[in-house]
N, C-alpha and C. Protein backbone atom coordinates (compact mmCIF):
# COMPACT_ATOMS: atom_id res chain seq x y z
N TYR A 1 0.83 -1.19 0.00
CA TYR A 1 0.00 0.00 0.00
C TYR A 1 0.87 1.25 0.00
N MET A 2 1.89 1.26 0.84
CA MET A 2 2.76 2.45 0.90
C MET A 2 3.50 2.65 -0.42
N ASP A 3 3.94 1.55 -1.04
CA ASP A 3 4.61 1.68 -2.33
C ASP A 3 3.65 2.28 -3.36
N TRP A 4 2.42 1.81 -3.37
CA TRP A 4 1.43 2.37 -4.29
C TRP A 4 1.20 3.84 -3.97
N LEU A 5 0.98 4.15 -2.67
CA LEU A 5 0.66 5.50 -2.26
C LEU A 5 1.78 6.49 -2.58
N MET A 6 3.00 6.12 -2.30
CA MET A 6 4.12 7.05 -2.45
C MET A 6 4.80 7.00 -3.81
N ASN A 7 4.65 5.88 -4.55
CA ASN A 7 5.38 5.73 -5.81
C ASN A 7 4.45 5.50 -7.00
N LYS A 8 3.76 4.38 -7.01
CA LYS A 8 2.99 3.99 -8.19
C LYS A 8 1.83 4.92 -8.48
N SER A 9 1.19 5.46 -7.47
CA SER A 9 0.03 6.33 -7.72
C SER A 9 0.44 7.65 -8.36
N VAL A 10 1.67 8.06 -8.24
CA VAL A 10 2.14 9.33 -8.83
C VAL A 10 3.17 9.10 -9.94
N GLU A 11 3.38 7.83 -10.28
CA GLU A 11 4.42 7.49 -11.25
C GLU A 11 4.23 8.21 -12.59
N LYS A 12 3.02 8.25 -13.11
CA LYS A 12 2.76 8.87 -14.40
C LYS A 12 3.03 10.39 -14.34
N MET A 13 2.56 11.04 -13.27
CA MET A 13 2.78 12.48 -13.12
C MET A 13 4.25 12.79 -12.92
N PHE A 14 4.92 11.99 -12.08
CA PHE A 14 6.34 12.23 -11.83
C PHE A 14 7.15 12.01 -13.10
N SER A 15 6.75 11.02 -13.90
CA SER A 15 7.44 10.74 -15.15
C SER A 15 7.42 11.96 -16.07
N LYS A 16 6.28 12.66 -16.13
CA LYS A 16 6.17 13.87 -16.95
C LYS A 16 7.09 14.97 -16.42
N PHE A 17 7.12 15.13 -15.09
CA PHE A 17 8.03 16.09 -14.48
C PHE A 17 9.48 15.75 -14.80
N GLU A 18 9.83 14.46 -14.64
CA GLU A 18 11.19 14.01 -14.89
C GLU A 18 11.58 14.24 -16.36
N ASP A 19 10.65 13.96 -17.28
CA ASP A 19 10.93 14.20 -18.70
C ASP A 19 11.24 15.67 -18.96
N GLY A 20 10.46 16.56 -18.38
CA GLY A 20 10.70 17.99 -18.54
C GLY A 20 12.02 18.41 -17.95
N PHE A 21 12.33 17.88 -16.79
CA PHE A 21 13.60 18.24 -16.15
C PHE A 21 14.78 17.72 -16.97
N ASN A 22 14.65 16.50 -17.46
CA ASN A 22 15.74 15.94 -18.28
C ASN A 22 15.89 16.69 -19.59
N LEU A 23 14.80 17.25 -20.11
CA LEU A 23 14.87 18.05 -21.32
C LEU A 23 15.77 19.27 -21.08
N ILE A 24 15.65 19.90 -19.92
CA ILE A 24 16.51 21.02 -19.58
C ILE A 24 17.96 20.55 -19.50
N SER A 25 18.17 19.40 -18.89
CA SER A 25 19.53 18.87 -18.75
C SER A 25 20.16 18.64 -20.11
N LYS A 26 19.42 18.04 -21.03
CA LYS A 26 19.95 17.76 -22.37
C LYS A 26 20.22 19.04 -23.13
N ALA A 27 19.37 20.04 -22.92
CA ALA A 27 19.55 21.31 -23.62
C ALA A 27 20.86 21.98 -23.20
N ARG A 28 21.30 21.70 -21.99
CA ARG A 28 22.56 22.26 -21.52
C ARG A 28 23.73 21.35 -21.84
N GLY A 29 23.47 20.21 -22.52
CA GLY A 29 24.53 19.31 -22.93
C GLY A 29 25.08 18.46 -21.79
N LYS A 30 24.34 18.30 -20.72
CA LYS A 30 24.79 17.52 -19.57
C LYS A 30 23.95 16.26 -19.46
N THR A 31 24.53 15.25 -18.87
CA THR A 31 23.76 14.02 -18.63
C THR A 31 23.42 13.85 -17.16
N ASN A 32 24.13 14.49 -16.28
CA ASN A 32 23.87 14.38 -14.84
C ASN A 32 22.86 15.46 -14.45
N SER A 33 21.58 15.09 -14.36
CA SER A 33 20.53 16.10 -14.13
C SER A 33 20.64 16.75 -12.75
N VAL A 34 21.17 16.04 -11.76
CA VAL A 34 21.34 16.64 -10.44
C VAL A 34 22.36 17.77 -10.51
N LYS A 35 23.46 17.51 -11.22
CA LYS A 35 24.49 18.56 -11.38
C LYS A 35 23.92 19.76 -12.13
N VAL A 36 23.15 19.50 -13.17
CA VAL A 36 22.53 20.57 -13.95
C VAL A 36 21.59 21.39 -13.06
N MET A 37 20.82 20.69 -12.23
CA MET A 37 19.89 21.38 -11.34
C MET A 37 20.65 22.37 -10.45
N TYR A 38 21.77 21.97 -9.93
CA TYR A 38 22.53 22.86 -9.06
C TYR A 38 23.25 23.96 -9.84
N GLU A 39 23.49 23.74 -11.14
CA GLU A 39 24.04 24.80 -11.96
C GLU A 39 22.99 25.83 -12.34
N LEU A 40 21.74 25.37 -12.55
CA LEU A 40 20.67 26.27 -12.95
C LEU A 40 20.10 27.07 -11.79
N PHE A 41 20.01 26.44 -10.63
CA PHE A 41 19.32 27.05 -9.50
C PHE A 41 20.19 27.03 -8.25
N HIS A 42 20.00 28.03 -7.41
CA HIS A 42 20.59 28.04 -6.08
C HIS A 42 19.70 27.15 -5.20
N TYR A 43 20.25 26.57 -4.13
CA TYR A 43 19.48 25.60 -3.34
C TYR A 43 18.17 26.19 -2.80
N ASP A 44 18.17 27.48 -2.43
CA ASP A 44 16.93 28.05 -1.90
C ASP A 44 15.90 28.26 -3.00
N GLU A 45 16.35 28.43 -4.26
CA GLU A 45 15.41 28.52 -5.38
C GLU A 45 14.76 27.17 -5.67
N ILE A 46 15.53 26.11 -5.52
CA ILE A 46 14.98 24.76 -5.70
C ILE A 46 13.93 24.49 -4.63
N ASP A 47 14.24 24.85 -3.40
CA ASP A 47 13.28 24.68 -2.30
C ASP A 47 11.99 25.45 -2.59
N LEU A 48 12.13 26.66 -3.08
CA LEU A 48 10.98 27.49 -3.40
C LEU A 48 10.13 26.87 -4.51
N LEU A 49 10.79 26.37 -5.55
CA LEU A 49 10.08 25.76 -6.68
C LEU A 49 9.33 24.50 -6.25
N VAL A 50 9.97 23.71 -5.39
CA VAL A 50 9.38 22.43 -4.98
C VAL A 50 8.36 22.62 -3.86
N SER A 51 8.68 23.44 -2.88
CA SER A 51 7.86 23.53 -1.67
C SER A 51 6.96 24.75 -1.60
N GLY A 52 7.22 25.76 -2.38
CA GLY A 52 6.42 26.98 -2.30
C GLY A 52 7.02 27.96 -1.30
N GLU A 53 6.29 29.08 -1.10
CA GLU A 53 6.77 30.15 -0.23
C GLU A 53 6.16 30.08 1.16
N GLU A 54 6.91 30.54 2.13
CA GLU A 54 6.34 30.73 3.46
C GLU A 54 5.27 31.81 3.36
N ILE A 55 4.21 31.65 4.10
CA ILE A 55 3.12 32.64 4.06
C ILE A 55 3.40 33.69 5.13
N THR A 56 3.56 34.93 4.68
CA THR A 56 3.85 36.01 5.62
C THR A 56 2.80 37.10 5.57
N TYR A 57 2.04 37.17 4.48
CA TYR A 57 1.08 38.25 4.32
C TYR A 57 -0.29 37.64 4.03
N TRP A 58 -1.08 37.47 5.07
CA TRP A 58 -2.36 36.77 4.96
C TRP A 58 -3.45 37.60 4.28
N ASN A 59 -3.30 38.92 4.24
CA ASN A 59 -4.35 39.75 3.64
C ASN A 59 -4.59 39.41 2.17
N SER A 60 -3.56 38.92 1.48
CA SER A 60 -3.73 38.54 0.08
C SER A 60 -4.73 37.40 -0.08
N LEU A 61 -4.84 36.55 0.93
CA LEU A 61 -5.81 35.46 0.87
C LEU A 61 -7.22 36.04 0.77
N LYS A 62 -7.49 37.04 1.60
CA LYS A 62 -8.80 37.70 1.57
C LYS A 62 -8.98 38.52 0.30
N ASP A 63 -7.95 39.25 -0.09
CA ASP A 63 -8.05 40.11 -1.27
C ASP A 63 -8.36 39.33 -2.54
N ASN A 64 -7.86 38.11 -2.65
CA ASN A 64 -8.01 37.32 -3.87
C ASN A 64 -9.09 36.26 -3.77
N ALA A 65 -9.82 36.22 -2.67
CA ALA A 65 -10.85 35.19 -2.49
C ALA A 65 -11.98 35.37 -3.52
N GLU A 66 -12.55 34.23 -3.90
CA GLU A 66 -13.71 34.23 -4.78
C GLU A 66 -14.86 33.60 -4.01
N TYR A 67 -16.06 34.04 -4.30
CA TYR A 67 -17.24 33.55 -3.59
C TYR A 67 -18.18 32.90 -4.60
N ILE A 68 -18.61 31.68 -4.28
CA ILE A 68 -19.42 30.93 -5.24
C ILE A 68 -20.66 30.31 -4.59
N ASP A 69 -21.58 29.92 -5.43
CA ASP A 69 -22.81 29.23 -5.03
C ASP A 69 -23.66 30.02 -4.03
N GLY A 70 -23.69 31.32 -4.19
CA GLY A 70 -24.57 32.14 -3.38
C GLY A 70 -23.88 33.08 -2.42
N TYR A 71 -22.63 32.83 -2.09
CA TYR A 71 -21.91 33.77 -1.24
C TYR A 71 -21.42 34.94 -2.07
N LYS A 72 -21.39 36.08 -1.43
CA LYS A 72 -20.83 37.29 -2.02
C LYS A 72 -19.90 37.91 -0.97
N GLU A 73 -19.10 38.83 -1.37
CA GLU A 73 -18.15 39.46 -0.45
C GLU A 73 -18.86 40.10 0.74
N ASP A 74 -20.09 40.60 0.54
CA ASP A 74 -20.81 41.26 1.61
C ASP A 74 -21.82 40.34 2.33
N SER A 75 -21.79 39.03 2.06
CA SER A 75 -22.67 38.10 2.78
C SER A 75 -22.29 38.07 4.25
N GLN A 76 -23.25 37.98 5.14
CA GLN A 76 -22.99 37.98 6.58
C GLN A 76 -22.03 36.86 6.96
N GLU A 77 -22.23 35.67 6.41
CA GLU A 77 -21.37 34.53 6.75
C GLU A 77 -19.93 34.77 6.31
N VAL A 78 -19.74 35.42 5.17
CA VAL A 78 -18.40 35.73 4.68
C VAL A 78 -17.74 36.75 5.61
N LYS A 79 -18.49 37.76 6.02
CA LYS A 79 -17.95 38.75 6.97
C LYS A 79 -17.53 38.06 8.26
N TRP A 80 -18.40 37.17 8.80
CA TRP A 80 -18.05 36.44 10.01
C TRP A 80 -16.79 35.62 9.80
N PHE A 81 -16.72 34.93 8.65
CA PHE A 81 -15.55 34.09 8.38
C PHE A 81 -14.26 34.90 8.45
N TRP A 82 -14.23 36.04 7.78
CA TRP A 82 -12.99 36.84 7.77
C TRP A 82 -12.69 37.44 9.15
N GLU A 83 -13.71 37.76 9.91
CA GLU A 83 -13.47 38.21 11.29
C GLU A 83 -12.84 37.07 12.10
N ILE A 84 -13.37 35.87 11.96
CA ILE A 84 -12.83 34.70 12.65
C ILE A 84 -11.40 34.46 12.19
N PHE A 85 -11.16 34.51 10.89
CA PHE A 85 -9.82 34.28 10.36
C PHE A 85 -8.84 35.29 10.92
N ASP A 86 -9.23 36.56 10.94
CA ASP A 86 -8.34 37.60 11.48
C ASP A 86 -8.02 37.40 12.95
N GLU A 87 -8.93 36.77 13.70
CA GLU A 87 -8.72 36.50 15.12
C GLU A 87 -7.86 35.26 15.38
N MET A 88 -7.66 34.43 14.34
CA MET A 88 -6.89 33.19 14.50
C MET A 88 -5.43 33.48 14.78
N SER A 89 -4.82 32.57 15.52
CA SER A 89 -3.37 32.65 15.74
C SER A 89 -2.67 32.30 14.42
N GLU A 90 -1.40 32.57 14.34
CA GLU A 90 -0.62 32.23 13.15
C GLU A 90 -0.68 30.72 12.88
N GLU A 91 -0.59 29.94 13.92
CA GLU A 91 -0.67 28.48 13.79
C GLU A 91 -2.03 28.05 13.25
N GLU A 92 -3.10 28.63 13.75
CA GLU A 92 -4.44 28.29 13.26
C GLU A 92 -4.64 28.69 11.80
N LYS A 93 -4.06 29.83 11.41
CA LYS A 93 -4.15 30.25 10.01
C LYS A 93 -3.44 29.24 9.10
N HIS A 94 -2.29 28.77 9.54
CA HIS A 94 -1.57 27.76 8.76
C HIS A 94 -2.36 26.46 8.70
N LYS A 95 -2.99 26.07 9.80
CA LYS A 95 -3.83 24.87 9.81
C LYS A 95 -5.02 25.04 8.85
N PHE A 96 -5.61 26.23 8.87
CA PHE A 96 -6.72 26.49 7.94
C PHE A 96 -6.25 26.38 6.49
N PHE A 97 -5.11 26.96 6.18
CA PHE A 97 -4.60 26.93 4.81
C PHE A 97 -4.31 25.50 4.39
N ARG A 98 -3.72 24.74 5.28
CA ARG A 98 -3.44 23.33 4.98
C ARG A 98 -4.73 22.56 4.80
N PHE A 99 -5.72 22.84 5.66
CA PHE A 99 -7.02 22.18 5.57
C PHE A 99 -7.68 22.48 4.22
N SER A 100 -7.63 23.74 3.79
CA SER A 100 -8.36 24.11 2.59
C SER A 100 -7.62 23.84 1.29
N THR A 101 -6.30 23.69 1.34
CA THR A 101 -5.54 23.52 0.11
C THR A 101 -4.71 22.24 0.06
N GLY A 102 -4.45 21.65 1.22
CA GLY A 102 -3.57 20.49 1.27
C GLY A 102 -2.10 20.88 1.33
N CYS A 103 -1.81 22.17 1.33
CA CYS A 103 -0.42 22.67 1.34
C CYS A 103 -0.20 23.52 2.58
N ASP A 104 1.03 23.55 3.04
CA ASP A 104 1.34 24.43 4.16
C ASP A 104 2.14 25.65 3.72
N ARG A 105 2.35 25.77 2.41
CA ARG A 105 3.06 26.92 1.88
C ARG A 105 2.30 27.47 0.68
N ALA A 106 2.51 28.74 0.41
CA ALA A 106 1.87 29.39 -0.73
C ALA A 106 2.61 29.03 -2.02
N PRO A 107 1.96 29.13 -3.16
CA PRO A 107 2.66 28.90 -4.43
C PRO A 107 3.72 29.97 -4.66
N VAL A 108 4.59 29.70 -5.61
CA VAL A 108 5.62 30.68 -5.96
C VAL A 108 4.93 32.01 -6.29
N GLY A 109 5.42 33.07 -5.69
CA GLY A 109 4.79 34.39 -5.88
C GLY A 109 3.90 34.75 -4.69
N GLY A 110 3.74 33.81 -3.76
CA GLY A 110 2.94 34.08 -2.57
C GLY A 110 1.45 33.99 -2.82
N LEU A 111 0.68 34.47 -1.88
CA LEU A 111 -0.77 34.40 -1.98
C LEU A 111 -1.33 35.36 -3.03
N ASN A 112 -0.48 36.24 -3.57
CA ASN A 112 -0.92 37.10 -4.67
C ASN A 112 -1.29 36.26 -5.90
N ASN A 113 -0.69 35.08 -6.02
CA ASN A 113 -0.93 34.20 -7.16
C ASN A 113 -1.87 33.06 -6.80
N PHE A 114 -2.70 33.26 -5.80
CA PHE A 114 -3.56 32.18 -5.31
C PHE A 114 -4.96 32.73 -5.06
N SER A 115 -5.95 31.90 -5.36
CA SER A 115 -7.34 32.31 -5.12
C SER A 115 -8.07 31.19 -4.38
N LEU A 116 -8.51 31.47 -3.17
CA LEU A 116 -9.33 30.56 -2.40
C LEU A 116 -10.79 30.82 -2.76
N LYS A 117 -11.50 29.77 -3.09
CA LYS A 117 -12.94 29.89 -3.36
C LYS A 117 -13.69 29.53 -2.10
N ILE A 118 -14.63 30.38 -1.70
CA ILE A 118 -15.47 30.09 -0.55
C ILE A 118 -16.87 29.80 -1.08
N GLN A 119 -17.30 28.57 -0.84
CA GLN A 119 -18.53 28.05 -1.40
C GLN A 119 -19.62 27.97 -0.33
N LYS A 120 -20.82 28.35 -0.68
CA LYS A 120 -21.95 28.32 0.24
C LYS A 120 -22.56 26.90 0.30
N ILE A 121 -22.79 26.45 1.53
CA ILE A 121 -23.52 25.20 1.77
C ILE A 121 -24.68 25.56 2.70
N ASN A 122 -25.88 25.17 2.34
CA ASN A 122 -27.06 25.54 3.12
C ASN A 122 -27.36 24.62 4.30
N ASP A 123 -26.57 23.59 4.51
CA ASP A 123 -26.81 22.65 5.61
C ASP A 123 -25.91 23.01 6.79
N ASP A 124 -26.50 23.67 7.81
CA ASP A 124 -25.69 24.11 8.95
C ASP A 124 -25.45 23.01 9.98
N THR A 125 -25.83 21.76 9.68
CA THR A 125 -25.54 20.65 10.58
C THR A 125 -24.16 20.05 10.27
N LYS A 126 -23.55 20.48 9.19
CA LYS A 126 -22.27 19.93 8.75
C LYS A 126 -21.10 20.81 9.15
N LEU A 127 -19.94 20.20 9.22
CA LEU A 127 -18.69 20.95 9.40
C LEU A 127 -18.29 21.53 8.04
N PRO A 128 -17.45 22.55 8.03
CA PRO A 128 -16.89 23.02 6.78
C PRO A 128 -16.13 21.88 6.09
N VAL A 129 -16.10 21.94 4.78
CA VAL A 129 -15.44 20.92 3.97
C VAL A 129 -14.46 21.61 3.03
N ALA A 130 -13.34 20.95 2.75
CA ALA A 130 -12.37 21.49 1.81
C ALA A 130 -12.27 20.59 0.59
N HIS A 131 -12.24 21.20 -0.57
CA HIS A 131 -11.99 20.51 -1.82
C HIS A 131 -10.62 20.98 -2.27
N LYS A 132 -9.59 20.28 -1.79
CA LYS A 132 -8.21 20.73 -1.92
C LYS A 132 -7.75 20.91 -3.36
N CYS A 133 -8.17 20.02 -4.24
CA CYS A 133 -7.72 20.09 -5.64
C CYS A 133 -8.22 21.35 -6.34
N MET A 134 -9.31 21.90 -5.84
CA MET A 134 -9.88 23.10 -6.47
C MET A 134 -9.75 24.33 -5.57
N ASN A 135 -9.01 24.20 -4.48
CA ASN A 135 -8.82 25.31 -3.53
C ASN A 135 -10.16 25.91 -3.12
N THR A 136 -11.09 25.04 -2.78
CA THR A 136 -12.44 25.47 -2.41
C THR A 136 -12.74 25.11 -0.97
N PHE A 137 -13.18 26.09 -0.22
CA PHE A 137 -13.58 25.93 1.18
C PHE A 137 -15.10 26.06 1.22
N SER A 138 -15.77 24.96 1.53
CA SER A 138 -17.23 24.95 1.58
C SER A 138 -17.69 25.29 2.99
N LEU A 139 -18.33 26.42 3.12
CA LEU A 139 -18.70 26.98 4.41
C LEU A 139 -20.23 26.97 4.58
N PRO A 140 -20.73 26.17 5.54
CA PRO A 140 -22.17 26.16 5.80
C PRO A 140 -22.68 27.51 6.31
N THR A 141 -23.96 27.73 6.16
CA THR A 141 -24.60 28.96 6.61
C THR A 141 -25.02 28.81 8.08
N TYR A 142 -24.07 29.02 8.98
CA TYR A 142 -24.35 28.87 10.41
C TYR A 142 -25.18 30.05 10.91
N LYS A 143 -25.87 29.81 12.03
CA LYS A 143 -26.79 30.83 12.57
C LYS A 143 -26.09 31.95 13.33
N SER A 144 -24.84 31.69 13.75
CA SER A 144 -24.12 32.72 14.49
C SER A 144 -22.62 32.61 14.24
N LYS A 145 -21.93 33.69 14.52
CA LYS A 145 -20.47 33.73 14.37
C LYS A 145 -19.81 32.75 15.35
N GLU A 146 -20.35 32.62 16.54
CA GLU A 146 -19.78 31.72 17.55
C GLU A 146 -19.85 30.27 17.10
N ILE A 147 -20.99 29.88 16.53
CA ILE A 147 -21.14 28.51 16.03
C ILE A 147 -20.16 28.30 14.88
N MET A 148 -20.08 29.26 13.97
CA MET A 148 -19.17 29.15 12.85
C MET A 148 -17.73 28.99 13.32
N LYS A 149 -17.33 29.79 14.28
CA LYS A 149 -15.96 29.71 14.78
C LYS A 149 -15.66 28.34 15.37
N SER A 150 -16.56 27.82 16.19
CA SER A 150 -16.32 26.51 16.81
C SER A 150 -16.25 25.42 15.75
N LYS A 151 -17.08 25.48 14.72
CA LYS A 151 -17.09 24.46 13.66
C LYS A 151 -15.82 24.55 12.80
N ILE A 152 -15.39 25.75 12.48
CA ILE A 152 -14.17 25.91 11.69
C ILE A 152 -12.97 25.38 12.47
N LEU A 153 -12.85 25.79 13.73
CA LEU A 153 -11.71 25.35 14.54
C LEU A 153 -11.71 23.83 14.74
N LEU A 154 -12.89 23.26 14.88
CA LEU A 154 -13.01 21.80 15.01
C LEU A 154 -12.54 21.13 13.71
N ALA A 155 -12.98 21.64 12.59
CA ALA A 155 -12.62 21.05 11.30
C ALA A 155 -11.11 21.13 11.05
N ILE A 156 -10.50 22.26 11.32
CA ILE A 156 -9.07 22.39 11.01
C ILE A 156 -8.19 21.66 12.03
N GLU A 157 -8.70 21.45 13.21
CA GLU A 157 -7.91 20.77 14.25
C GLU A 157 -7.89 19.26 14.06
N TYR A 158 -8.99 18.70 13.61
CA TYR A 158 -9.12 17.24 13.55
C TYR A 158 -9.19 16.70 12.13
N THR A 159 -8.57 17.39 11.22
CA THR A 159 -8.52 16.89 9.85
C THR A 159 -7.28 16.01 9.68
N GLU A 160 -7.38 15.06 8.78
CA GLU A 160 -6.24 14.19 8.55
C GLU A 160 -5.74 14.25 7.13
N GLY A 161 -6.58 14.24 6.16
CA GLY A 161 -6.16 14.36 4.77
C GLY A 161 -5.40 13.19 4.22
N PHE A 162 -6.05 12.26 3.60
CA PHE A 162 -5.49 11.10 2.93
C PHE A 162 -4.68 10.19 3.85
N GLY A 163 -4.81 10.34 5.16
CA GLY A 163 -4.11 9.46 6.08
C GLY A 163 -2.62 9.65 6.15
N LEU A 164 -2.10 10.76 5.64
CA LEU A 164 -0.65 10.97 5.61
C LEU A 164 -0.15 11.92 6.70
N ILE A 165 -1.03 12.67 7.31
CA ILE A 165 -0.59 13.66 8.30
C ILE A 165 -0.58 13.04 9.69
């Protein structure tokens, strides 16, 4: 199972990445792609390309957010959400970002190059849900800010995500 999860399930996608990387290596006339990688990039640039950027400016998340399925920027639930988000600790904000995207770092260029979609769900008996592949945070229409805050914090605290965390 672990071999499938870590290797075989991503083999096709990794193969495409490897082909592209080897294409760069051949273009430079080298056969050792690791050596070429270190000639093309500084180690911190490689880390940035592979892992993304540390998140330091959270306001871009709000500035670039999109609202779908009935939510608008001035919806009461959206206002409550951003108030709750602003009150979160740095650790809670990182947990929220990981919950909603599956990543703990922003893409290259920071959150300026990222758009979180906040989707309306009319069933307030459910916890918020994240659709990580589409960067969509599904937020139920809770009756109060206090209920919303407790449900969001519960969701981000006890999420597991594919059994790998």
